[in-house]
Amino acid sequence: MADTHPINSKYEIRKTDSYGFGVFCTKKIYKGETIRLFTGKRLKEDICDKMIADGLLNNDDVFQVQHDEYFILDDISILFNHSCEPNAGIKGESTLFAINDILPNEEITYDYSTTVDPNNFTFTTMTNCLCKSAKCRKILGNVLSIPKDSLEYYKKEGALQDYIVNELNKC
């Protein structure tokens, strides 16, 4: 893959400084603007668990969309990286949108923990954070591992999937 690869008029794939490829803004994306609808092969949780156990998938290769359903993300969606201080969030089932204005040359990121069911405990101890933001939590976990102030911000901005909101209401 080349160092840059245009996706659409607003973002492109580029090599990051420290962790492979990422998706970067090429034209200003405004707060609230839809960036991408994540898609992929939909699998039930037990199938994903088996594929992870068999070494066919890594724990962080899947994107939870329901309590017991996951996507193996498409080739572009999987390249959006995590940040503990993101500029995008997920709403509905899998719509990535800007939670603040994103300027050209900024990497487009979202908080992976916002998509992990509060009842999913295996993710908590398995993923180290590499985001290097000032608010880095060092370890990624489920949605309950997000600091309260950040979780409240995501709620206020509508940056939580519908199923996550439903699961949090049960807690």
Protein backbone atom coordinates (compact mmCIF):
# COMPACT_ATOMS: atom_id res chain seq x y z
CA MET A 1 0.00 0.00 0.00
CA ALA A 2 1.30 3.47 -0.84
CA ASP A 3 1.91 6.04 1.91
CA THR A 4 -1.41 7.74 1.04
CA HIS A 5 -4.57 6.42 -0.54
CA PRO A 6 -7.57 8.68 -1.18
CA ILE A 7 -10.92 7.27 -0.03
CA ASN A 8 -13.28 10.14 -0.78
CA SER A 9 -13.10 13.92 -0.90
CA LYS A 10 -12.87 14.27 2.91
CA TYR A 11 -10.38 11.62 4.03
CA GLU A 12 -7.57 9.31 2.94
CA ILE A 13 -5.49 6.43 4.28
CA ARG A 14 -1.98 7.36 5.37
CA LYS A 15 0.85 5.72 7.23
CA THR A 16 0.97 6.90 10.85
CA ASP A 17 4.10 7.77 12.76
CA SER A 18 3.94 4.80 15.09
CA TYR A 19 1.16 2.25 14.49
CA GLY A 20 0.64 1.34 10.86
CA PHE A 21 -2.05 3.02 8.80
CA GLY A 22 -4.79 5.43 9.79
CA VAL A 23 -7.45 7.61 8.21
CA PHE A 24 -6.72 11.31 7.90
CA CYS A 25 -8.93 14.29 7.10
CA THR A 26 -8.27 16.02 3.76
CA LYS A 27 -11.10 18.62 3.84
CA LYS A 28 -12.68 20.04 6.98
CA ILE A 29 -15.30 17.75 8.50
CA TYR A 30 -17.84 19.61 10.60
CA LYS A 31 -19.11 18.60 14.02
CA GLY A 32 -22.10 16.27 13.58
CA GLU A 33 -21.17 15.32 10.01
CA THR A 34 -21.32 11.63 9.09
CA ILE A 35 -17.89 10.32 8.16
CA ARG A 36 -18.56 6.67 7.35
CA LEU A 37 -21.02 3.86 7.87
CA PHE A 38 -18.94 0.96 9.16
CA THR A 39 -19.77 -2.30 7.45
CA GLY A 40 -18.45 -5.81 7.48
CA LYS A 41 -19.30 -9.45 7.81
CA ARG A 42 -21.80 -9.84 10.69
CA LEU A 43 -21.08 -12.73 13.06
CA LYS A 44 -22.58 -13.97 16.30
CA GLU A 45 -20.44 -13.70 19.40
CA ASP A 46 -19.78 -17.45 19.72
CA ILE A 47 -18.38 -17.59 16.16
CA CYS A 48 -16.12 -14.59 16.85
CA ASP A 49 -14.92 -16.16 20.10
CA LYS A 50 -14.04 -19.39 18.29
CA MET A 51 -12.21 -17.52 15.51
CA ILE A 52 -10.21 -15.57 18.11
CA ALA A 53 -9.41 -18.76 20.05
CA ASP A 54 -8.32 -20.45 16.80
CA GLY A 55 -6.01 -17.51 15.97
CA LEU A 56 -8.02 -16.51 12.89
CA LEU A 57 -8.87 -13.09 14.36
CA ASN A 58 -7.35 -10.83 16.97
CA ASN A 59 -9.55 -9.58 19.80
CA ASP A 60 -9.34 -6.03 18.42
CA ASP A 61 -10.21 -7.04 14.83
CA VAL A 62 -13.92 -7.24 15.59
CA PHE A 63 -16.38 -4.39 16.10
CA GLN A 64 -19.31 -5.01 18.42
CA VAL A 65 -22.66 -3.84 17.00
CA GLN A 66 -25.14 -5.62 19.31
CA HIS A 67 -24.91 -7.43 22.64
CA ASP A 68 -24.06 -10.70 20.84
CA GLU A 69 -23.16 -9.59 17.29
CA TYR A 70 -19.97 -8.29 15.74
CA PHE A 71 -18.66 -7.05 12.40
CA ILE A 72 -15.40 -8.14 10.91
CA LEU A 73 -14.90 -4.64 9.56
CA ASP A 74 -14.42 -3.86 5.88
CA ASP A 75 -10.93 -2.95 4.64
CA ILE A 76 -11.39 0.81 5.14
CA SER A 77 -13.43 0.90 8.36
CA ILE A 78 -10.84 -1.20 10.19
CA LEU A 79 -8.22 1.51 9.57
CA PHE A 80 -9.89 4.13 11.78
CA ASN A 81 -7.73 4.12 14.89
CA HIS A 82 -8.49 4.57 18.58
CA SER A 83 -7.80 7.61 20.71
CA CYS A 84 -8.68 8.25 24.35
CA GLU A 85 -9.27 11.84 23.15
CA PRO A 86 -11.12 11.23 19.85
CA ASN A 87 -12.59 13.61 17.31
CA ALA A 88 -15.28 11.16 16.15
CA GLY A 89 -17.80 8.81 17.72
CA ILE A 90 -20.21 6.03 16.81
CA LYS A 91 -23.99 6.46 16.81
CA GLY A 92 -26.85 4.17 15.83
CA GLU A 93 -25.34 0.80 15.12
CA SER A 94 -22.20 1.70 13.18
CA THR A 95 -22.23 5.31 11.95
CA LEU A 96 -18.97 7.18 12.51
CA PHE A 97 -19.53 10.93 12.88
CA ALA A 98 -17.54 13.99 13.95
CA ILE A 99 -17.95 14.96 17.61
CA ASN A 100 -16.06 18.16 16.88
CA ASP A 101 -14.70 19.86 13.78
CA ILE A 102 -11.87 17.86 12.20
CA LEU A 103 -9.28 19.80 10.26
CA PRO A 104 -7.17 18.70 7.29
CA ASN A 105 -4.23 16.48 8.24
CA GLU A 106 -5.83 15.40 11.54
CA GLU A 107 -6.17 11.67 12.02
CA ILE A 108 -9.82 10.66 12.42
CA THR A 109 -10.16 8.60 15.59
CA TYR A 110 -12.83 7.24 17.91
CA ASP A 111 -12.71 5.65 21.36
CA TYR A 112 -12.81 1.88 20.84
CA SER A 113 -14.06 1.35 24.40
CA THR A 114 -17.35 3.09 23.51
CA THR A 115 -18.26 0.08 21.37
CA VAL A 116 -17.55 -2.69 23.90
CA ASP A 117 -20.48 -4.06 25.91
CA PRO A 118 -20.22 -3.45 29.68
CA ASN A 119 -20.63 -7.22 30.13
CA ASN A 120 -17.61 -7.98 27.92
CA PHE A 121 -14.78 -8.50 30.41
CA THR A 122 -12.18 -10.24 28.22
CA PHE A 123 -11.50 -7.08 26.18
CA THR A 124 -10.53 -5.17 29.36
CA THR A 125 -7.28 -6.99 30.02
CA MET A 126 -6.27 -7.75 26.46
CA THR A 127 -5.67 -4.43 24.72
CA ASN A 128 -2.95 -1.88 25.44
CA CYS A 129 -3.55 1.67 24.28
CA LEU A 130 -1.03 3.28 21.92
CA CYS A 131 -2.82 6.59 21.31
CA LYS A 132 -0.34 8.85 23.14
CA SER A 133 -3.01 11.48 23.87
CA ALA A 134 -2.77 13.59 27.03
CA LYS A 135 -5.80 11.67 28.35
CA CYS A 136 -4.49 8.20 27.46
CA ARG A 137 -5.88 5.48 29.75
CA LYS A 138 -3.05 3.04 28.82
CA ILE A 139 -5.41 0.03 28.73
CA LEU A 140 -8.59 -0.25 26.65
CA GLY A 141 -11.54 -1.97 28.17
CA ASN A 142 -15.29 -2.08 27.91
CA VAL A 143 -17.48 1.03 28.04
CA LEU A 144 -17.40 1.01 31.86
CA SER A 145 -13.60 1.50 31.78
CA ILE A 146 -14.08 5.01 30.34
CA PRO A 147 -13.66 7.76 32.96
CA LYS A 148 -17.03 9.18 34.08
CA ASP A 149 -16.41 12.66 32.66
CA SER A 150 -15.52 11.23 29.24
CA LEU A 151 -18.48 8.84 29.28
CA GLU A 152 -20.82 11.73 30.14
CA TYR A 153 -19.33 13.73 27.25
CA TYR A 154 -19.96 10.84 24.83
CA LYS A 155 -23.54 10.56 26.09
CA LYS A 156 -24.10 14.31 25.66
CA GLU A 157 -22.71 14.21 22.12
CA GLY A 158 -24.75 11.12 21.16
CA ALA A 159 -21.51 9.23 20.57
CA LEU A 160 -22.61 5.86 21.90
CA GLN A 161 -24.16 3.04 19.90
CA ASP A 162 -27.84 2.33 20.58
CA TYR A 163 -27.08 -1.08 22.07
CA ILE A 164 -24.47 0.46 24.42
CA VAL A 165 -27.00 3.03 25.66
CA ASN A 166 -29.47 0.21 26.30
CA GLU A 167 -26.86 -1.85 28.15
CA LEU A 168 -25.77 1.14 30.28
CA ASN A 169 -29.40 1.78 31.24
CA LYS A 170 -29.48 -1.76 32.69
CA CYS A 171 -26.42 -1.14 34.89
